[in-house]
Amino acid sequence: MATIRKVMCCCGQGLGSSMMVEMNIEKALKNLGIEGVSAGHTSLSEVSPASADLFVVGKDIAPQLQDYPRVVVLKKILSMKELTEKLEKAFAQEADEFHIE
């Protein structure tokens, strides 16, 4: 099982929605009691599979990350409930590769 130490949020420009999701990830990780994990945000054009251990994106960006090993896809990018549930699933995964939609 791959260890998740860095979570990366991506959006089209790397400025708006990805930054908001990054802040929500930090809150969700704290609420879940998960420590030692950093969160960041970037644009789709700057991201690569080596950028992080887990990627969190909106459903509009998901097709561009279909070949990435560990991806969480959000239907509602500002939903703390959805984000928290999907992060909890991601951190419980035994597999090295997964896509949670």
C-alpha atoms as a PDB file:
ATOM      1  CA  MET A   1       0.000   0.000   0.000  1.00  0.00           C
ATOM      2  CA  ALA A   2       1.319   3.423  -0.930  1.00  0.00           C
ATOM      3  CA  THR A   3       1.633   5.929   1.889  1.00  0.00           C
ATOM      4  CA  ILE A   4      -0.171   9.209   1.374  1.00  0.00           C
ATOM      5  CA  ARG A   5       1.941  12.122   2.582  1.00  0.00           C
ATOM      6  CA  LYS A   6       1.000  14.789   0.035  1.00  0.00           C
ATOM      7  CA  VAL A   7      -2.409  15.633  -1.410  1.00  0.00           C
ATOM      8  CA  MET A   8      -2.624  17.881  -4.470  1.00  0.00           C
ATOM      9  CA  CYS A   9      -5.718  19.757  -5.671  1.00  0.00           C
ATOM     10  CA  CYS A  10      -5.893  20.735  -9.323  1.00  0.00           C
ATOM     11  CA  CYS A  11      -8.086  23.088 -11.295  1.00  0.00           C
ATOM     12  CA  GLY A  12      -7.859  24.810 -14.650  1.00  0.00           C
ATOM     13  CA  GLN A  13      -5.784  27.793 -13.536  1.00  0.00           C
ATOM     14  CA  GLY A  14      -4.571  26.658 -10.096  1.00  0.00           C
ATOM     15  CA  LEU A  15      -5.909  29.791  -8.433  1.00  0.00           C
ATOM     16  CA  GLY A  16      -9.541  29.589  -7.336  1.00  0.00           C
ATOM     17  CA  SER A  17     -11.286  26.311  -6.745  1.00  0.00           C
ATOM     18  CA  SER A  18      -8.123  24.309  -6.103  1.00  0.00           C
ATOM     19  CA  MET A  19      -7.064  26.730  -3.354  1.00  0.00           C
ATOM     20  CA  MET A  20     -10.487  26.459  -1.688  1.00  0.00           C
ATOM     21  CA  VAL A  21     -10.374  22.663  -1.889  1.00  0.00           C
ATOM     22  CA  GLU A  22      -6.851  22.693  -0.412  1.00  0.00           C
ATOM     23  CA  MET A  23      -8.107  24.636   2.622  1.00  0.00           C
ATOM     24  CA  ASN A  24     -11.029  22.210   2.987  1.00  0.00           C
ATOM     25  CA  ILE A  25      -8.660  19.222   2.774  1.00  0.00           C
ATOM     26  CA  GLU A  26      -6.607  20.637   5.623  1.00  0.00           C
ATOM     27  CA  LYS A  27      -9.787  20.976   7.728  1.00  0.00           C
ATOM     28  CA  ALA A  28     -11.011  17.498   6.780  1.00  0.00           C
ATOM     29  CA  LEU A  29      -7.670  15.848   7.599  1.00  0.00           C
ATOM     30  CA  LYS A  30      -7.659  17.563  10.982  1.00  0.00           C
ATOM     31  CA  ASN A  31     -11.252  16.444  11.662  1.00  0.00           C
ATOM     32  CA  LEU A  32     -10.329  12.874  10.659  1.00  0.00           C
ATOM     33  CA  GLY A  33      -7.284  12.925  12.941  1.00  0.00           C
ATOM     34  CA  ILE A  34      -4.884  12.345  10.039  1.00  0.00           C
ATOM     35  CA  GLU A  35      -1.488  13.916  10.681  1.00  0.00           C
ATOM     36  CA  GLY A  36       1.733  14.205   8.705  1.00  0.00           C
ATOM     37  CA  VAL A  37      -0.006  14.949   5.414  1.00  0.00           C
ATOM     38  CA  SER A  38       0.444  18.184   3.480  1.00  0.00           C
ATOM     39  CA  ALA A  39      -1.947  19.660   0.950  1.00  0.00           C
ATOM     40  CA  GLY A  40      -1.178  21.852  -2.039  1.00  0.00           C
ATOM     41  CA  HIS A  41      -2.851  23.234  -5.142  1.00  0.00           C
ATOM     42  CA  THR A  42      -1.795  23.808  -8.720  1.00  0.00           C
ATOM     43  CA  SER A  43      -3.063  24.196 -12.254  1.00  0.00           C
ATOM     44  CA  LEU A  44      -3.793  21.260 -14.486  1.00  0.00           C
ATOM     45  CA  SER A  45      -0.934  22.250 -16.793  1.00  0.00           C
ATOM     46  CA  GLU A  46       1.594  22.112 -13.918  1.00  0.00           C
ATOM     47  CA  VAL A  47       0.584  18.796 -12.361  1.00  0.00           C
ATOM     48  CA  SER A  48       2.294  15.449 -12.906  1.00  0.00           C
ATOM     49  CA  PRO A  49       1.884  12.012 -11.309  1.00  0.00           C
ATOM     50  CA  ALA A  50       5.010  12.715  -9.246  1.00  0.00           C
ATOM     51  CA  SER A  51       3.497  15.916  -7.784  1.00  0.00           C
ATOM     52  CA  ALA A  52       1.713  14.098  -4.951  1.00  0.00           C
ATOM     53  CA  ASP A  53       0.561  10.784  -3.527  1.00  0.00           C
ATOM     54  CA  LEU A  54      -3.140  11.621  -3.908  1.00  0.00           C
ATOM     55  CA  PHE A  55      -4.953  14.007  -6.239  1.00  0.00           C
ATOM     56  CA  VAL A  56      -8.292  15.674  -5.496  1.00  0.00           C
ATOM     57  CA  VAL A  57     -10.120  17.178  -8.458  1.00  0.00           C
ATOM     58  CA  GLY A  58     -13.555  18.232  -9.618  1.00  0.00           C
ATOM     59  CA  LYS A  59     -15.398  15.996 -12.053  1.00  0.00           C
ATOM     60  CA  ASP A  60     -14.602  18.406 -14.896  1.00  0.00           C
ATOM     61  CA  ILE A  61     -10.837  17.790 -14.488  1.00  0.00           C
ATOM     62  CA  ALA A  62     -11.058  14.046 -13.734  1.00  0.00           C
ATOM     63  CA  PRO A  63     -10.695  12.832 -17.355  1.00  0.00           C
ATOM     64  CA  GLN A  64      -7.256  14.467 -17.601  1.00  0.00           C
ATOM     65  CA  LEU A  65      -6.076  12.498 -14.532  1.00  0.00           C
ATOM     66  CA  GLN A  66      -7.538   9.142 -15.535  1.00  0.00           C
ATOM     67  CA  ASP A  67      -4.057   7.573 -15.738  1.00  0.00           C
ATOM     68  CA  TYR A  68      -2.922   8.874 -12.340  1.00  0.00           C
ATOM     69  CA  PRO A  69      -2.668   6.169  -9.667  1.00  0.00           C
ATOM     70  CA  ARG A  70      -4.680   7.720  -6.800  1.00  0.00           C
ATOM     71  CA  VAL A  71      -7.470  10.199  -7.496  1.00  0.00           C
ATOM     72  CA  VAL A  72     -10.494  11.484  -5.580  1.00  0.00           C
ATOM     73  CA  VAL A  73     -13.147  13.049  -7.806  1.00  0.00           C
ATOM     74  CA  LEU A  74     -15.553  15.546  -6.263  1.00  0.00           C
ATOM     75  CA  LYS A  75     -19.016  16.116  -7.706  1.00  0.00           C
ATOM     76  CA  LYS A  76     -19.492  19.204  -5.527  1.00  0.00           C
ATOM     77  CA  ILE A  77     -16.079  20.742  -4.922  1.00  0.00           C
ATOM     78  CA  LEU A  78     -17.173  22.815  -1.934  1.00  0.00           C
ATOM     79  CA  SER A  79     -18.994  20.011  -0.102  1.00  0.00           C
ATOM     80  CA  MET A  80     -17.107  19.274   3.124  1.00  0.00           C
ATOM     81  CA  LYS A  81     -19.270  16.196   3.651  1.00  0.00           C
ATOM     82  CA  GLU A  82     -18.371  14.683   0.277  1.00  0.00           C
ATOM     83  CA  LEU A  83     -14.691  15.607   0.639  1.00  0.00           C
ATOM     84  CA  THR A  84     -14.401  14.180   4.144  1.00  0.00           C
ATOM     85  CA  GLU A  85     -16.132  10.910   3.192  1.00  0.00           C
ATOM     86  CA  LYS A  86     -13.957  10.437   0.112  1.00  0.00           C
ATOM     87  CA  LEU A  87     -10.716  11.300   1.919  1.00  0.00           C
ATOM     88  CA  GLU A  88     -11.597   8.811   4.624  1.00  0.00           C
ATOM     89  CA  LYS A  89     -12.085   6.143   1.940  1.00  0.00           C
ATOM     90  CA  ALA A  90      -8.820   7.104   0.233  1.00  0.00           C
ATOM     91  CA  PHE A  91      -6.782   6.814   3.417  1.00  0.00           C
ATOM     92  CA  ALA A  92      -8.383   3.427   4.170  1.00  0.00           C
ATOM     93  CA  GLN A  93      -7.466   1.960   0.753  1.00  0.00           C
ATOM     94  CA  GLU A  94      -5.248  -1.115   0.694  1.00  0.00           C
ATOM     95  CA  ALA A  95      -4.567  -0.865  -3.044  1.00  0.00           C
ATOM     96  CA  ASP A  96      -1.757   1.221  -4.525  1.00  0.00           C
ATOM     97  CA  GLU A  97      -4.049   2.518  -7.261  1.00  0.00           C
ATOM     98  CA  PHE A  98      -7.644   3.698  -6.942  1.00  0.00           C
ATOM     99  CA  HIS A  99     -10.114   6.275  -8.221  1.00  0.00           C
ATOM    100  CA  ILE A 100     -12.870   7.322  -5.828  1.00  0.00           C
ATOM    101  CA  GLU A 101     -15.793   9.006  -7.559  1.00  0.00           C
END
